[in-house]
């Protein structure tokens, strides 16, 4: 986690400029050594603004989702897949960071 601190600090500084308060941070670490970082502000149950680190490109993206809902697809054997769907999505790149963030 210590190696992620500069990236998280950069994203927190950007969030202060780009996102309304209050903000939350979610970091997911995966077994393969990759990770996801999202700082977000929820504006009710169906609207959200967030900054997300895109590890494949090094970009920090600002995203605004409106009209959130869940779509489901059922399969044989009783399995159901749920996927988020939105009425509107706005996305823009706010910064790009260089490795060692993979």
PDB file of N, CA and C in Angstrom:
ATOM      1  N   UNK A   1       0.812  -1.199   0.000  1.00  0.00           N
ATOM      2  CA  UNK A   1       0.000   0.000   0.000  1.00  0.00           C
ATOM      3  C   UNK A   1       0.856   1.265   0.000  1.00  0.00           C
ATOM      4  N   UNK A   2       2.010   1.218   0.627  1.00  0.00           N
ATOM      5  CA  UNK A   2       2.846   2.411   0.720  1.00  0.00           C
ATOM      6  C   UNK A   2       3.212   2.950  -0.661  1.00  0.00           C
ATOM      7  N   UNK A   3       3.426   2.057  -1.617  1.00  0.00           N
ATOM      8  CA  UNK A   3       3.801   2.507  -2.962  1.00  0.00           C
ATOM      9  C   UNK A   3       2.651   3.240  -3.669  1.00  0.00           C
ATOM     10  N   UNK A   4       1.429   3.051  -3.213  1.00  0.00           N
ATOM     11  CA  UNK A   4       0.273   3.724  -3.810  1.00  0.00           C
ATOM     12  C   UNK A   4       0.050   5.123  -3.259  1.00  0.00           C
ATOM     13  N   UNK A   5       0.713   5.474  -2.166  1.00  0.00           N
ATOM     14  CA  UNK A   5       0.466   6.752  -1.489  1.00  0.00           C
ATOM     15  C   UNK A   5       0.607   7.959  -2.418  1.00  0.00           C
ATOM     16  N   UNK A   6       1.662   8.059  -3.254  1.00  0.00           N
ATOM     17  CA  UNK A   6       1.756   9.235  -4.130  1.00  0.00           C
ATOM     18  C   UNK A   6       0.573   9.338  -5.111  1.00  0.00           C
ATOM     19  N   UNK A   7       0.124   8.201  -5.628  1.00  0.00           N
ATOM     20  CA  UNK A   7      -1.010   8.202  -6.550  1.00  0.00           C
ATOM     21  C   UNK A   7      -2.297   8.614  -5.827  1.00  0.00           C
ATOM     22  N   UNK A   8      -2.523   8.050  -4.661  1.00  0.00           N
ATOM     23  CA  UNK A   8      -3.719   8.398  -3.893  1.00  0.00           C
ATOM     24  C   UNK A   8      -3.688   9.872  -3.496  1.00  0.00           C
ATOM     25  N   UNK A   9      -2.528  10.374  -3.092  1.00  0.00           N
ATOM     26  CA  UNK A   9      -2.402  11.797  -2.752  1.00  0.00           C
ATOM     27  C   UNK A   9      -2.728  12.677  -3.956  1.00  0.00           C
ATOM     28  N   UNK A  10      -2.228  12.300  -5.139  1.00  0.00           N
ATOM     29  CA  UNK A  10      -2.522  13.067  -6.351  1.00  0.00           C
ATOM     30  C   UNK A  10      -4.020  13.047  -6.646  1.00  0.00           C
ATOM     31  N   UNK A  11      -4.629  11.885  -6.516  1.00  0.00           N
ATOM     32  CA  UNK A  11      -6.058  11.777  -6.771  1.00  0.00           C
ATOM     33  C   UNK A  11      -6.872  12.568  -5.745  1.00  0.00           C
ATOM     34  N   UNK A  12      -6.431  12.599  -4.498  1.00  0.00           N
ATOM     35  CA  UNK A  12      -7.124  13.390  -3.473  1.00  0.00           C
ATOM     36  C   UNK A  12      -7.052  14.881  -3.799  1.00  0.00           C
ATOM     37  N   UNK A  13      -5.897  15.350  -4.271  1.00  0.00           N
ATOM     38  CA  UNK A  13      -5.756  16.753  -4.652  1.00  0.00           C
ATOM     39  C   UNK A  13      -6.680  17.086  -5.825  1.00  0.00           C
ATOM     40  N   UNK A  14      -6.741  16.204  -6.809  1.00  0.00           N
ATOM     41  CA  UNK A  14      -7.642  16.410  -7.942  1.00  0.00           C
ATOM     42  C   UNK A  14      -9.102  16.370  -7.508  1.00  0.00           C
ATOM     43  N   UNK A  15      -9.430  15.476  -6.577  1.00  0.00           N
ATOM     44  CA  UNK A  15     -10.809  15.353  -6.095  1.00  0.00           C
ATOM     45  C   UNK A  15     -11.264  16.637  -5.418  1.00  0.00           C
ATOM     46  N   UNK A  16     -10.363  17.312  -4.716  1.00  0.00           N
ATOM     47  CA  UNK A  16     -10.712  18.573  -4.053  1.00  0.00           C
ATOM     48  C   UNK A  16     -11.138  19.621  -5.082  1.00  0.00           C
ATOM     49  N   UNK A  17     -10.587  19.532  -6.301  1.00  0.00           N
ATOM     50  CA  UNK A  17     -10.941  20.458  -7.377  1.00  0.00           C
ATOM     51  C   UNK A  17     -12.139  19.991  -8.192  1.00  0.00           C
ATOM     52  N   UNK A  18     -12.282  18.684  -8.368  1.00  0.00           N
ATOM     53  CA  UNK A  18     -13.228  18.130  -9.331  1.00  0.00           C
ATOM     54  C   UNK A  18     -14.534  17.592  -8.745  1.00  0.00           C
ATOM     55  N   UNK A  19     -14.521  17.180  -7.480  1.00  0.00           N
ATOM     56  CA  UNK A  19     -15.690  16.518  -6.899  1.00  0.00           C
ATOM     57  C   UNK A  19     -16.285  17.334  -5.757  1.00  0.00           C
ATOM     58  N   UNK A  20     -17.610  17.323  -5.628  1.00  0.00           N
ATOM     59  CA  UNK A  20     -18.229  17.957  -4.465  1.00  0.00           C
ATOM     60  C   UNK A  20     -17.881  17.187  -3.188  1.00  0.00           C
ATOM     61  N   UNK A  21     -18.054  17.828  -2.066  1.00  0.00           N
ATOM     62  CA  UNK A  21     -17.865  17.164  -0.764  1.00  0.00           C
ATOM     63  C   UNK A  21     -19.200  16.608  -0.313  1.00  0.00           C
ATOM     64  N   UNK A  22     -19.228  15.599   0.505  1.00  0.00           N
ATOM     65  CA  UNK A  22     -18.121  14.793   1.019  1.00  0.00           C
ATOM     66  C   UNK A  22     -17.682  13.760  -0.017  1.00  0.00           C
ATOM     67  N   UNK A  23     -16.453  13.278   0.156  1.00  0.00           N
ATOM     68  CA  UNK A  23     -15.882  12.299  -0.765  1.00  0.00           C
ATOM     69  C   UNK A  23     -15.452  11.049   0.005  1.00  0.00           C
ATOM     70  N   UNK A  24     -15.473   9.929  -0.678  1.00  0.00           N
ATOM     71  CA  UNK A  24     -14.999   8.674  -0.106  1.00  0.00           C
ATOM     72  C   UNK A  24     -13.964   8.083  -1.056  1.00  0.00           C
ATOM     73  N   UNK A  25     -13.122   7.188  -0.526  1.00  0.00           N
ATOM     74  CA  UNK A  25     -12.082   6.544  -1.320  1.00  0.00           C
ATOM     75  C   UNK A  25     -12.235   5.028  -1.193  1.00  0.00           C
ATOM     76  N   UNK A  26     -12.122   4.355  -2.323  1.00  0.00           N
ATOM     77  CA  UNK A  26     -12.198   2.894  -2.341  1.00  0.00           C
ATOM     78  C   UNK A  26     -10.967   2.375  -3.084  1.00  0.00           C
ATOM     79  N   UNK A  27     -10.197   1.511  -2.413  1.00  0.00           N
ATOM     80  CA  UNK A  27      -9.010   0.899  -3.017  1.00  0.00           C
ATOM     81  C   UNK A  27      -9.189  -0.612  -2.962  1.00  0.00           C
ATOM     82  N   UNK A  28      -9.077  -1.257  -4.119  1.00  0.00           N
ATOM     83  CA  UNK A  28      -9.155  -2.715  -4.183  1.00  0.00           C
ATOM     84  C   UNK A  28      -7.811  -3.239  -4.664  1.00  0.00           C
ATOM     85  N   UNK A  29      -7.244  -4.161  -3.904  1.00  0.00           N
ATOM     86  CA  UNK A  29      -5.974  -4.799  -4.254  1.00  0.00           C
ATOM     87  C   UNK A  29      -6.275  -6.209  -4.752  1.00  0.00           C
ATOM     88  N   UNK A  30      -5.664  -6.595  -5.861  1.00  0.00           N
ATOM     89  CA  UNK A  30      -5.919  -7.899  -6.456  1.00  0.00           C
ATOM     90  C   UNK A  30      -4.698  -8.804  -6.288  1.00  0.00           C
ATOM     91  N   UNK A  31      -4.925 -10.101  -6.312  1.00  0.00           N
ATOM     92  CA  UNK A  31      -3.861 -11.094  -6.118  1.00  0.00           C
ATOM     93  C   UNK A  31      -2.751 -10.988  -7.159  1.00  0.00           C
ATOM     94  N   UNK A  32      -3.065 -10.490  -8.345  1.00  0.00           N
ATOM     95  CA  UNK A  32      -2.049 -10.387  -9.395  1.00  0.00           C
ATOM     96  C   UNK A  32      -1.182  -9.133  -9.270  1.00  0.00           C
ATOM     97  N   UNK A  33      -1.358  -8.353  -8.187  1.00  0.00           N
ATOM     98  CA  UNK A  33      -0.553  -7.172  -7.948  1.00  0.00           C
ATOM     99  C   UNK A  33      -1.143  -5.889  -8.504  1.00  0.00           C
ATOM    100  N   UNK A  34      -2.267  -5.974  -9.208  1.00  0.00           N
ATOM    101  CA  UNK A  34      -2.920  -4.771  -9.719  1.00  0.00           C
ATOM    102  C   UNK A  34      -3.887  -4.234  -8.669  1.00  0.00           C
ATOM    103  N   UNK A  35      -4.416  -3.067  -8.938  1.00  0.00           N
ATOM    104  CA  UNK A  35      -5.329  -2.446  -7.982  1.00  0.00           C
ATOM    105  C   UNK A  35      -6.245  -1.474  -8.705  1.00  0.00           C
ATOM    106  N   UNK A  36      -7.348  -1.142  -8.062  1.00  0.00           N
ATOM    107  CA  UNK A  36      -8.286  -0.132  -8.524  1.00  0.00           C
ATOM    108  C   UNK A  36      -8.399   0.922  -7.436  1.00  0.00           C
ATOM    109  N   UNK A  37      -8.411   2.196  -7.853  1.00  0.00           N
ATOM    110  CA  UNK A  37      -8.572   3.302  -6.914  1.00  0.00           C
ATOM    111  C   UNK A  37      -9.685   4.198  -7.436  1.00  0.00           C
ATOM    112  N   UNK A  38     -10.668   4.465  -6.576  1.00  0.00           N
ATOM    113  CA  UNK A  38     -11.784   5.340  -6.929  1.00  0.00           C
ATOM    114  C   UNK A  38     -12.034   6.287  -5.766  1.00  0.00           C
ATOM    115  N   UNK A  39     -12.124   7.576  -6.052  1.00  0.00           N
ATOM    116  CA  UNK A  39     -12.591   8.573  -5.093  1.00  0.00           C
ATOM    117  C   UNK A  39     -13.928   9.060  -5.633  1.00  0.00           C
ATOM    118  N   UNK A  40     -14.959   9.114  -4.778  1.00  0.00           N
ATOM    119  CA  UNK A  40     -16.288   9.402  -5.308  1.00  0.00           C
ATOM    120  C   UNK A  40     -17.142  10.239  -4.364  1.00  0.00           C
ATOM    121  N   UNK A  41     -18.160  10.824  -4.966  1.00  0.00           N
ATOM    122  CA  UNK A  41     -19.197  11.563  -4.255  1.00  0.00           C
ATOM    123  C   UNK A  41     -20.526  11.059  -4.795  1.00  0.00           C
ATOM    124  N   UNK A  42     -21.354  10.478  -3.925  1.00  0.00           N
ATOM    125  CA  UNK A  42     -22.679  10.005  -4.326  1.00  0.00           C
ATOM    126  C   UNK A  42     -23.687  11.126  -4.120  1.00  0.00           C
ATOM    127  N   UNK A  43     -24.545  11.301  -5.112  1.00  0.00           N
ATOM    128  CA  UNK A  43     -25.549  12.345  -5.068  1.00  0.00           C
ATOM    129  C   UNK A  43     -26.935  11.717  -5.106  1.00  0.00           C
ATOM    130  N   UNK A  44     -27.181  10.799  -4.196  1.00  0.00           N
ATOM    131  CA  UNK A  44     -28.428  10.051  -4.199  1.00  0.00           C
ATOM    132  C   UNK A  44     -28.200   8.663  -4.748  1.00  0.00           C
ATOM    133  N   UNK A  45     -29.263   7.895  -4.798  1.00  0.00           N
ATOM    134  CA  UNK A  45     -29.115   6.488  -5.171  1.00  0.00           C
ATOM    135  C   UNK A  45     -28.827   6.254  -6.646  1.00  0.00           C
ATOM    136  N   UNK A  46     -29.080   7.263  -7.512  1.00  0.00           N
ATOM    137  CA  UNK A  46     -28.883   7.012  -8.935  1.00  0.00           C
ATOM    138  C   UNK A  46     -27.951   8.000  -9.631  1.00  0.00           C
ATOM    139  N   UNK A  47     -27.156   8.750  -8.853  1.00  0.00           N
ATOM    140  CA  UNK A  47     -26.213   9.690  -9.459  1.00  0.00           C
ATOM    141  C   UNK A  47     -24.913   9.705  -8.657  1.00  0.00           C
ATOM    142  N   UNK A  48     -23.794   9.776  -9.385  1.00  0.00           N
ATOM    143  CA  UNK A  48     -22.484   9.718  -8.731  1.00  0.00           C
ATOM    144  C   UNK A  48     -21.439  10.394  -9.607  1.00  0.00           C
ATOM    145  N   UNK A  49     -20.511  11.119  -8.958  1.00  0.00           N
ATOM    146  CA  UNK A  49     -19.315  11.633  -9.615  1.00  0.00           C
ATOM    147  C   UNK A  49     -18.119  10.927  -8.993  1.00  0.00           C
ATOM    148  N   UNK A  50     -17.117  10.631  -9.826  1.00  0.00           N
ATOM    149  CA  UNK A  50     -15.946   9.949  -9.280  1.00  0.00           C
ATOM    150  C   UNK A  50     -14.708  10.236 -10.089  1.00  0.00           C
ATOM    151  N   UNK A  51     -13.565  10.041  -9.437  1.00  0.00           N
ATOM    152  CA  UNK A  51     -12.275   9.982 -10.103  1.00  0.00           C
ATOM    153  C   UNK A  51     -11.830   8.534 -10.031  1.00  0.00           C
ATOM    154  N   UNK A  52     -11.406   7.984 -11.158  1.00  0.00           N
ATOM    155  CA  UNK A  52     -10.995   6.585 -11.212  1.00  0.00           C
ATOM    156  C   UNK A  52      -9.653   6.482 -11.913  1.00  0.00           C
ATOM    157  N   UNK A  53      -8.732   5.730 -11.311  1.00  0.00           N
ATOM    158  CA  UNK A  53      -7.441   5.452 -11.928  1.00  0.00           C
ATOM    159  C   UNK A  53      -7.612   4.299 -12.905  1.00  0.00           C
ATOM    160  N   UNK A  54      -7.276   4.527 -14.157  1.00  0.00           N
ATOM    161  CA  UNK A  54      -7.329   3.494 -15.187  1.00  0.00           C
ATOM    162  C   UNK A  54      -5.932   2.923 -15.343  1.00  0.00           C
ATOM    163  N   UNK A  55      -5.715   1.739 -14.759  1.00  0.00           N
ATOM    164  CA  UNK A  55      -4.358   1.187 -14.679  1.00  0.00           C
ATOM    165  C   UNK A  55      -3.782   0.795 -16.037  1.00  0.00           C
ATOM    166  N   UNK A  56      -4.619   0.558 -17.042  1.00  0.00           N
ATOM    167  CA  UNK A  56      -4.088   0.155 -18.345  1.00  0.00           C
ATOM    168  C   UNK A  56      -3.501   1.325 -19.120  1.00  0.00           C
ATOM    169  N   UNK A  57      -3.919   2.554 -18.805  1.00  0.00           N
ATOM    170  CA  UNK A  57      -3.441   3.726 -19.548  1.00  0.00           C
ATOM    171  C   UNK A  57      -2.703   4.729 -18.664  1.00  0.00           C
ATOM    172  N   UNK A  58      -2.824   4.607 -17.346  1.00  0.00           N
ATOM    173  CA  UNK A  58      -2.235   5.576 -16.430  1.00  0.00           C
ATOM    174  C   UNK A  58      -3.060   6.844 -16.288  1.00  0.00           C
ATOM    175  N   UNK A  59      -4.253   6.852 -16.857  1.00  0.00           N
ATOM    176  CA  UNK A  59      -5.101   8.035 -16.810  1.00  0.00           C
ATOM    177  C   UNK A  59      -5.929   8.079 -15.528  1.00  0.00           C
ATOM    178  N   UNK A  60      -6.154   9.295 -15.042  1.00  0.00           N
ATOM    179  CA  UNK A  60      -7.114   9.519 -13.964  1.00  0.00           C
ATOM    180  C   UNK A  60      -8.331  10.133 -14.635  1.00  0.00           C
ATOM    181  N   UNK A  61      -9.454   9.427 -14.551  1.00  0.00           N
ATOM    182  CA  UNK A  61     -10.667   9.817 -15.246  1.00  0.00           C
ATOM    183  C   UNK A  61     -11.681  10.425 -14.282  1.00  0.00           C
ATOM    184  N   UNK A  62     -12.335  11.499 -14.707  1.00  0.00           N
ATOM    185  CA  UNK A  62     -13.497  12.037 -14.009  1.00  0.00           C
ATOM    186  C   UNK A  62     -14.710  11.434 -14.699  1.00  0.00           C
ATOM    187  N   UNK A  63     -15.622  10.861 -13.906  1.00  0.00           N
ATOM    188  CA  UNK A  63     -16.810  10.225 -14.458  1.00  0.00           C
ATOM    189  C   UNK A  63     -18.037  10.704 -13.701  1.00  0.00           C
ATOM    190  N   UNK A  64     -19.112  10.923 -14.440  1.00  0.00           N
ATOM    191  CA  UNK A  64     -20.390  11.329 -13.857  1.00  0.00           C
ATOM    192  C   UNK A  64     -21.459  10.389 -14.395  1.00  0.00           C
ATOM    193  N   UNK A  65     -22.092   9.656 -13.490  1.00  0.00           N
ATOM    194  CA  UNK A  65     -23.119   8.691 -13.853  1.00  0.00           C
ATOM    195  C   UNK A  65     -24.475   9.204 -13.378  1.00  0.00           C
ATOM    196  N   UNK A  66     -25.485   9.101 -14.240  1.00  0.00           N
ATOM    197  CA  UNK A  66     -26.847   9.489 -13.874  1.00  0.00           C
ATOM    198  C   UNK A  66     -27.802   8.374 -14.272  1.00  0.00           C
ATOM    199  N   UNK A  67     -28.856   8.218 -13.470  1.00  0.00           N
ATOM    200  CA  UNK A  67     -29.870   7.215 -13.777  1.00  0.00           C
ATOM    201  C   UNK A  67     -29.384   5.795 -13.595  1.00  0.00           C
ATOM    202  N   UNK A  68     -28.674   5.548 -12.508  1.00  0.00           N
ATOM    203  CA  UNK A  68     -28.122   4.208 -12.266  1.00  0.00           C
ATOM    204  C   UNK A  68     -29.240   3.195 -12.031  1.00  0.00           C
ATOM    205  N   UNK A  69     -29.053   2.029 -12.606  1.00  0.00           N
ATOM    206  CA  UNK A  69     -29.988   0.920 -12.409  1.00  0.00           C
ATOM    207  C   UNK A  69     -29.240  -0.390 -12.652  1.00  0.00           C
ATOM    208  N   UNK A  70     -29.827  -1.472 -12.240  1.00  0.00           N
ATOM    209  CA  UNK A  70     -29.215  -2.784 -12.445  1.00  0.00           C
ATOM    210  C   UNK A  70     -29.993  -3.533 -13.510  1.00  0.00           C
ATOM    211  N   UNK A  71     -29.266  -4.101 -14.474  1.00  0.00           N
ATOM    212  CA  UNK A  71     -29.860  -4.989 -15.466  1.00  0.00           C
ATOM    213  C   UNK A  71     -29.400  -6.401 -15.125  1.00  0.00           C
ATOM    214  N   UNK A  72     -30.290  -7.349 -15.296  1.00  0.00           N
ATOM    215  CA  UNK A  72     -29.939  -8.725 -14.945  1.00  0.00           C
ATOM    216  C   UNK A  72     -30.176  -9.651 -16.131  1.00  0.00           C
ATOM    217  N   UNK A  73     -29.393 -10.715 -16.149  1.00  0.00           N
ATOM    218  CA  UNK A  73     -29.530 -11.762 -17.151  1.00  0.00           C
ATOM    219  C   UNK A  73     -29.447 -13.094 -16.424  1.00  0.00           C
ATOM    220  N   UNK A  74     -30.449 -13.938 -16.621  1.00  0.00           N
ATOM    221  CA  UNK A  74     -30.490 -15.227 -15.943  1.00  0.00           C
ATOM    222  C   UNK A  74     -30.002 -16.326 -16.881  1.00  0.00           C
ATOM    223  N   UNK A  75     -29.300 -17.295 -16.298  1.00  0.00           N
ATOM    224  CA  UNK A  75     -28.737 -18.407 -17.047  1.00  0.00           C
ATOM    225  C   UNK A  75     -29.302 -19.710 -16.513  1.00  0.00           C
ATOM    226  N   UNK A  76     -29.140 -20.758 -17.290  1.00  0.00           N
ATOM    227  CA  UNK A  76     -29.583 -22.067 -16.821  1.00  0.00           C
ATOM    228  C   UNK A  76     -28.790 -22.440 -15.580  1.00  0.00           C
ATOM    229  N   UNK A  77     -29.393 -23.189 -14.700  1.00  0.00           N
ATOM    230  CA  UNK A  77     -28.743 -23.554 -13.449  1.00  0.00           C
ATOM    231  C   UNK A  77     -29.012 -22.543 -12.349  1.00  0.00           C
ATOM    232  N   UNK A  78     -29.853 -21.544 -12.634  1.00  0.00           N
ATOM    233  CA  UNK A  78     -30.238 -20.594 -11.608  1.00  0.00           C
ATOM    234  C   UNK A  78     -29.263 -19.446 -11.381  1.00  0.00           C
ATOM    235  N   UNK A  79     -28.235 -19.305 -12.203  1.00  0.00           N
ATOM    236  CA  UNK A  79     -27.265 -18.217 -12.033  1.00  0.00           C
ATOM    237  C   UNK A  79     -27.783 -16.945 -12.701  1.00  0.00           C
ATOM    238  N   UNK A  80     -27.608 -15.819 -12.019  1.00  0.00           N
ATOM    239  CA  UNK A  80     -28.032 -14.522 -12.550  1.00  0.00           C
ATOM    240  C   UNK A  80     -26.859 -13.556 -12.521  1.00  0.00           C
ATOM    241  N   UNK A  81     -26.642 -12.860 -13.623  1.00  0.00           N
ATOM    242  CA  UNK A  81     -25.589 -11.867 -13.738  1.00  0.00           C
ATOM    243  C   UNK A  81     -26.224 -10.477 -13.663  1.00  0.00           C
ATOM    244  N   UNK A  82     -25.724  -9.646 -12.752  1.00  0.00           N
ATOM    245  CA  UNK A  82     -26.211  -8.280 -12.602  1.00  0.00           C
ATOM    246  C   UNK A  82     -25.142  -7.324 -13.119  1.00  0.00           C
ATOM    247  N   UNK A  83     -25.562  -6.344 -13.903  1.00  0.00           N
ATOM    248  CA  UNK A  83     -24.631  -5.370 -14.454  1.00  0.00           C
ATOM    249  C   UNK A  83     -25.240  -3.980 -14.341  1.00  0.00           C
ATOM    250  N   UNK A  84     -24.397  -3.007 -13.959  1.00  0.00           N
ATOM    251  CA  UNK A  84     -24.867  -1.633 -13.831  1.00  0.00           C
ATOM    252  C   UNK A  84     -25.136  -1.036 -15.213  1.00  0.00           C
ATOM    253  N   UNK A  85     -26.204  -0.255 -15.295  1.00  0.00           N
ATOM    254  CA  UNK A  85     -26.551   0.471 -16.513  1.00  0.00           C
ATOM    255  C   UNK A  85     -26.921   1.897 -16.109  1.00  0.00           C
ATOM    256  N   UNK A  86     -26.688   2.838 -17.013  1.00  0.00           N
ATOM    257  CA  UNK A  86     -26.912   4.247 -16.684  1.00  0.00           C
ATOM    258  C   UNK A  86     -27.664   4.946 -17.807  1.00  0.00           C
ATOM    259  N   UNK A  87     -28.448   5.961 -17.438  1.00  0.00           N
ATOM    260  CA  UNK A  87     -29.128   6.775 -18.441  1.00  0.00           C
ATOM    261  C   UNK A  87     -28.136   7.697 -19.146  1.00  0.00           C
ATOM    262  N   UNK A  88     -27.162   8.236 -18.400  1.00  0.00           N
ATOM    263  CA  UNK A  88     -26.176   9.154 -18.977  1.00  0.00           C
ATOM    264  C   UNK A  88     -24.839   8.971 -18.270  1.00  0.00           C
ATOM    265  N   UNK A  89     -23.765   9.022 -19.050  1.00  0.00           N
ATOM    266  CA  UNK A  89     -22.407   8.920 -18.514  1.00  0.00           C
ATOM    267  C   UNK A  89     -21.542   9.971 -19.212  1.00  0.00           C
ATOM    268  N   UNK A  90     -20.861  10.786 -18.410  1.00  0.00           N
ATOM    269  CA  UNK A  90     -19.874  11.741 -18.924  1.00  0.00           C
ATOM    270  C   UNK A  90     -18.513  11.307 -18.400  1.00  0.00           C
ATOM    271  N   UNK A  91     -17.494  11.334 -19.274  1.00  0.00           N
ATOM    272  CA  UNK A  91     -16.145  10.923 -18.889  1.00  0.00           C
ATOM    273  C   UNK A  91     -15.146  11.887 -19.527  1.00  0.00           C
ATOM    274  N   UNK A  92     -14.114  12.252 -18.743  1.00  0.00           N
ATOM    275  CA  UNK A  92     -13.014  13.026 -19.295  1.00  0.00           C
ATOM    276  C   UNK A  92     -11.733  12.693 -18.533  1.00  0.00           C
ATOM    277  N   UNK A  93     -10.613  12.835 -19.202  1.00  0.00           N
ATOM    278  CA  UNK A  93      -9.306  12.601 -18.589  1.00  0.00           C
ATOM    279  C   UNK A  93      -8.901  13.886 -17.871  1.00  0.00           C
ATOM    280  N   UNK A  94      -8.540  13.782 -16.568  1.00  0.00           N
ATOM    281  CA  UNK A  94      -8.098  14.959 -15.816  1.00  0.00           C
ATOM    282  C   UNK A  94      -6.590  14.956 -15.573  1.00  0.00           C
ATOM    283  N   UNK A  95      -5.945  13.803 -15.687  1.00  0.00           N
ATOM    284  CA  UNK A  95      -4.499  13.727 -15.488  1.00  0.00           C
ATOM    285  C   UNK A  95      -4.008  12.374 -15.988  1.00  0.00           C
ATOM    286  N   UNK A  96      -2.724  12.294 -16.237  1.00  0.00           N
ATOM    287  CA  UNK A  96      -2.080  11.034 -16.589  1.00  0.00           C
ATOM    288  C   UNK A  96      -0.833  10.902 -15.729  1.00  0.00           C
ATOM    289  N   UNK A  97      -0.652   9.733 -15.143  1.00  0.00           N
ATOM    290  CA  UNK A  97       0.525   9.468 -14.303  1.00  0.00           C
ATOM    291  C   UNK A  97       1.387   8.413 -14.970  1.00  0.00           C
ATOM    292  N   UNK A  98       2.654   8.476 -14.711  1.00  0.00           N
ATOM    293  CA  UNK A  98       3.603   7.527 -15.281  1.00  0.00           C
ATOM    294  C   UNK A  98       3.829   6.378 -14.306  1.00  0.00           C
ATOM    295  N   UNK A  99       4.244   5.202 -14.814  1.00  0.00           N
ATOM    296  CA  UNK A  99       4.615   4.114 -13.909  1.00  0.00           C
ATOM    297  C   UNK A  99       5.624   4.618 -12.893  1.00  0.00           C
ATOM    298  N   UNK A 100       5.735   4.043 -11.738  1.00  0.00           N
ATOM    299  CA  UNK A 100       5.573   2.637 -11.413  1.00  0.00           C
ATOM    300  C   UNK A 100       4.168   2.203 -11.040  1.00  0.00           C
ATOM    301  N   UNK A 101       3.161   2.985 -11.272  1.00  0.00           N
ATOM    302  CA  UNK A 101       1.786   2.596 -10.931  1.00  0.00           C
ATOM    303  C   UNK A 101       1.251   1.685 -12.003  1.00  0.00           C
ATOM    304  N   UNK A 102       1.204   0.376 -11.739  1.00  0.00           N
ATOM    305  CA  UNK A 102       0.722  -0.571 -12.739  1.00  0.00           C
ATOM    306  C   UNK A 102      -0.598  -1.159 -12.331  1.00  0.00           C
TER     307      UNK A 102
END
